Amino acid sequence: MACYSCSQTEEAAEIDGHGLFTHYLLEALDPDGPNLQGVVLDWDTGLLSLDICKLIDNVLRRTVVDLAGKSVPAQQQHPDYSVFGSPAN
């Protein structure tokens, strides 16, 4: 999997010297308080995991687009990802 903070024609926004996308990705992946919109429960084993695709689709993309548009100067930023190969079994 490859995660992209913005498209090739855009420039990634920063807050306090750090990338906007990376800031919110790391926040969502925090093991002490992961964003529940990306948590997946395996009903057979009871194990919880984080689905990065769900996080980007349901949380990060909307957050980053909104905050980049409100930055000074306002800019467009559209995070995305690519999945390569087949999922592990």
C-alpha atoms as a PDB file:
ATOM      1  CA  MET A   1       0.000   0.000   0.000  1.00  0.00           C
ATOM      2  CA  ALA A   2       1.128   3.528  -0.712  1.00  0.00           C
ATOM      3  CA  CYS A   3      -0.430   6.578   0.932  1.00  0.00           C
ATOM      4  CA  TYR A   4      -0.291   9.976  -0.735  1.00  0.00           C
ATOM      5  CA  SER A   5      -0.814  13.216   1.145  1.00  0.00           C
ATOM      6  CA  CYS A   6      -1.959  14.975  -2.042  1.00  0.00           C
ATOM      7  CA  SER A   7      -2.175  14.558  -5.801  1.00  0.00           C
ATOM      8  CA  GLN A   8       0.818  15.152  -8.076  1.00  0.00           C
ATOM      9  CA  THR A   9      -0.446  18.605  -9.030  1.00  0.00           C
ATOM     10  CA  GLU A  10      -0.978  19.752  -5.422  1.00  0.00           C
ATOM     11  CA  GLU A  11       1.303  20.795  -2.603  1.00  0.00           C
ATOM     12  CA  ALA A  12       0.800  19.251   0.832  1.00  0.00           C
ATOM     13  CA  ALA A  13      -0.357  21.704   3.496  1.00  0.00           C
ATOM     14  CA  GLU A  14       1.548  21.995   6.761  1.00  0.00           C
ATOM     15  CA  ILE A  15       0.553  22.914  10.290  1.00  0.00           C
ATOM     16  CA  ASP A  16       3.216  23.947  12.768  1.00  0.00           C
ATOM     17  CA  GLY A  17       5.935  22.734  10.374  1.00  0.00           C
ATOM     18  CA  HIS A  18       4.457  19.234   9.929  1.00  0.00           C
ATOM     19  CA  GLY A  19       2.391  17.757   7.107  1.00  0.00           C
ATOM     20  CA  LEU A  20      -1.370  18.004   7.602  1.00  0.00           C
ATOM     21  CA  PHE A  21      -2.046  14.505   6.240  1.00  0.00           C
ATOM     22  CA  THR A  22       0.713  12.850   8.273  1.00  0.00           C
ATOM     23  CA  HIS A  23      -0.385  14.634  11.441  1.00  0.00           C
ATOM     24  CA  TYR A  24      -3.950  13.318  11.191  1.00  0.00           C
ATOM     25  CA  LEU A  25      -2.859   9.857   9.975  1.00  0.00           C
ATOM     26  CA  LEU A  26      -0.617   9.390  13.013  1.00  0.00           C
ATOM     27  CA  GLU A  27      -3.349  10.719  15.290  1.00  0.00           C
ATOM     28  CA  ALA A  28      -5.835   8.206  13.839  1.00  0.00           C
ATOM     29  CA  LEU A  29      -3.328   5.348  14.275  1.00  0.00           C
ATOM     30  CA  ASP A  30      -2.566   6.150  17.937  1.00  0.00           C
ATOM     31  CA  PRO A  31      -2.696   2.764  19.722  1.00  0.00           C
ATOM     32  CA  ASP A  32      -3.991   4.423  22.898  1.00  0.00           C
ATOM     33  CA  GLY A  33      -6.916   6.066  21.109  1.00  0.00           C
ATOM     34  CA  PRO A  34      -7.345   4.973  17.495  1.00  0.00           C
ATOM     35  CA  ASN A  35     -10.042   6.569  15.414  1.00  0.00           C
ATOM     36  CA  LEU A  36     -12.929   4.118  15.750  1.00  0.00           C
ATOM     37  CA  GLN A  37     -14.107   4.735  12.180  1.00  0.00           C
ATOM     38  CA  GLY A  38     -11.120   2.683  11.028  1.00  0.00           C
ATOM     39  CA  VAL A  39     -11.383  -0.133  13.568  1.00  0.00           C
ATOM     40  CA  VAL A  40     -12.451  -3.529  12.281  1.00  0.00           C
ATOM     41  CA  LEU A  41     -13.627  -6.358  14.549  1.00  0.00           C
ATOM     42  CA  ASP A  42     -12.950  -9.941  13.508  1.00  0.00           C
ATOM     43  CA  TRP A  43     -16.051 -11.662  14.880  1.00  0.00           C
ATOM     44  CA  ASP A  44     -14.381 -15.104  14.734  1.00  0.00           C
ATOM     45  CA  THR A  45     -11.316 -14.203  16.801  1.00  0.00           C
ATOM     46  CA  GLY A  46     -12.441 -11.079  18.644  1.00  0.00           C
ATOM     47  CA  LEU A  47      -9.335  -9.236  17.410  1.00  0.00           C
ATOM     48  CA  LEU A  48      -9.467  -5.552  16.551  1.00  0.00           C
ATOM     49  CA  SER A  49      -7.439  -4.112  13.701  1.00  0.00           C
ATOM     50  CA  LEU A  50      -7.161  -0.785  11.929  1.00  0.00           C
ATOM     51  CA  ASP A  51      -8.084  -0.514   8.275  1.00  0.00           C
ATOM     52  CA  ILE A  52      -6.000   2.325   6.798  1.00  0.00           C
ATOM     53  CA  CYS A  53      -8.154   2.420   3.643  1.00  0.00           C
ATOM     54  CA  LYS A  54     -11.273   2.985   5.776  1.00  0.00           C
ATOM     55  CA  LEU A  55      -9.453   5.696   7.750  1.00  0.00           C
ATOM     56  CA  ILE A  56      -8.446   7.537   4.601  1.00  0.00           C
ATOM     57  CA  ASP A  57     -11.869   7.124   2.957  1.00  0.00           C
ATOM     58  CA  ASN A  58     -14.013   7.932   5.994  1.00  0.00           C
ATOM     59  CA  VAL A  59     -11.917  10.357   8.026  1.00  0.00           C
ATOM     60  CA  LEU A  60      -8.609  11.656   6.695  1.00  0.00           C
ATOM     61  CA  ARG A  61      -9.654  12.659   3.194  1.00  0.00           C
ATOM     62  CA  ARG A  62     -12.541  14.804   4.451  1.00  0.00           C
ATOM     63  CA  THR A  63     -10.494  16.302   7.317  1.00  0.00           C
ATOM     64  CA  VAL A  64      -7.474  17.165   5.169  1.00  0.00           C
ATOM     65  CA  VAL A  65      -9.527  18.610   2.281  1.00  0.00           C
ATOM     66  CA  ASP A  66     -11.467  20.780   4.744  1.00  0.00           C
ATOM     67  CA  LEU A  67      -8.468  22.007   6.744  1.00  0.00           C
ATOM     68  CA  ALA A  68      -6.263  22.614   3.683  1.00  0.00           C
ATOM     69  CA  GLY A  69      -9.053  24.751   2.239  1.00  0.00           C
ATOM     70  CA  LYS A  70      -9.128  26.798   5.449  1.00  0.00           C
ATOM     71  CA  SER A  71      -5.342  27.219   5.630  1.00  0.00           C
ATOM     72  CA  VAL A  72      -3.674  30.529   4.825  1.00  0.00           C
ATOM     73  CA  PRO A  73      -3.267  30.682   1.935  1.00  0.00           C
ATOM     74  CA  ALA A  74      -6.112  28.296   1.120  1.00  0.00           C
ATOM     75  CA  GLN A  75      -5.066  25.356  -1.007  1.00  0.00           C
ATOM     76  CA  GLN A  76      -6.416  22.151  -2.454  1.00  0.00           C
ATOM     77  CA  GLN A  77      -5.159  18.869  -1.057  1.00  0.00           C
ATOM     78  CA  HIS A  78      -6.702  15.487  -1.806  1.00  0.00           C
ATOM     79  CA  PRO A  79      -5.119  12.500  -0.002  1.00  0.00           C
ATOM     80  CA  ASP A  80      -5.342   9.099  -1.654  1.00  0.00           C
ATOM     81  CA  TYR A  81      -3.834   5.616  -1.578  1.00  0.00           C
ATOM     82  CA  SER A  82      -2.992   2.704  -3.841  1.00  0.00           C
ATOM     83  CA  VAL A  83      -3.149  -0.962  -2.858  1.00  0.00           C
ATOM     84  CA  PHE A  84      -0.671  -3.313  -4.488  1.00  0.00           C
ATOM     85  CA  GLY A  85      -0.755  -7.107  -4.570  1.00  0.00           C
ATOM     86  CA  SER A  86      -3.273  -9.275  -2.790  1.00  0.00           C
ATOM     87  CA  PRO A  87      -4.216  -9.157   0.879  1.00  0.00           C
ATOM     88  CA  ALA A  88      -2.403 -11.489   3.250  1.00  0.00           C
ATOM     89  CA  ASN A  89      -4.331 -14.520   4.471  1.00  0.00           C
END
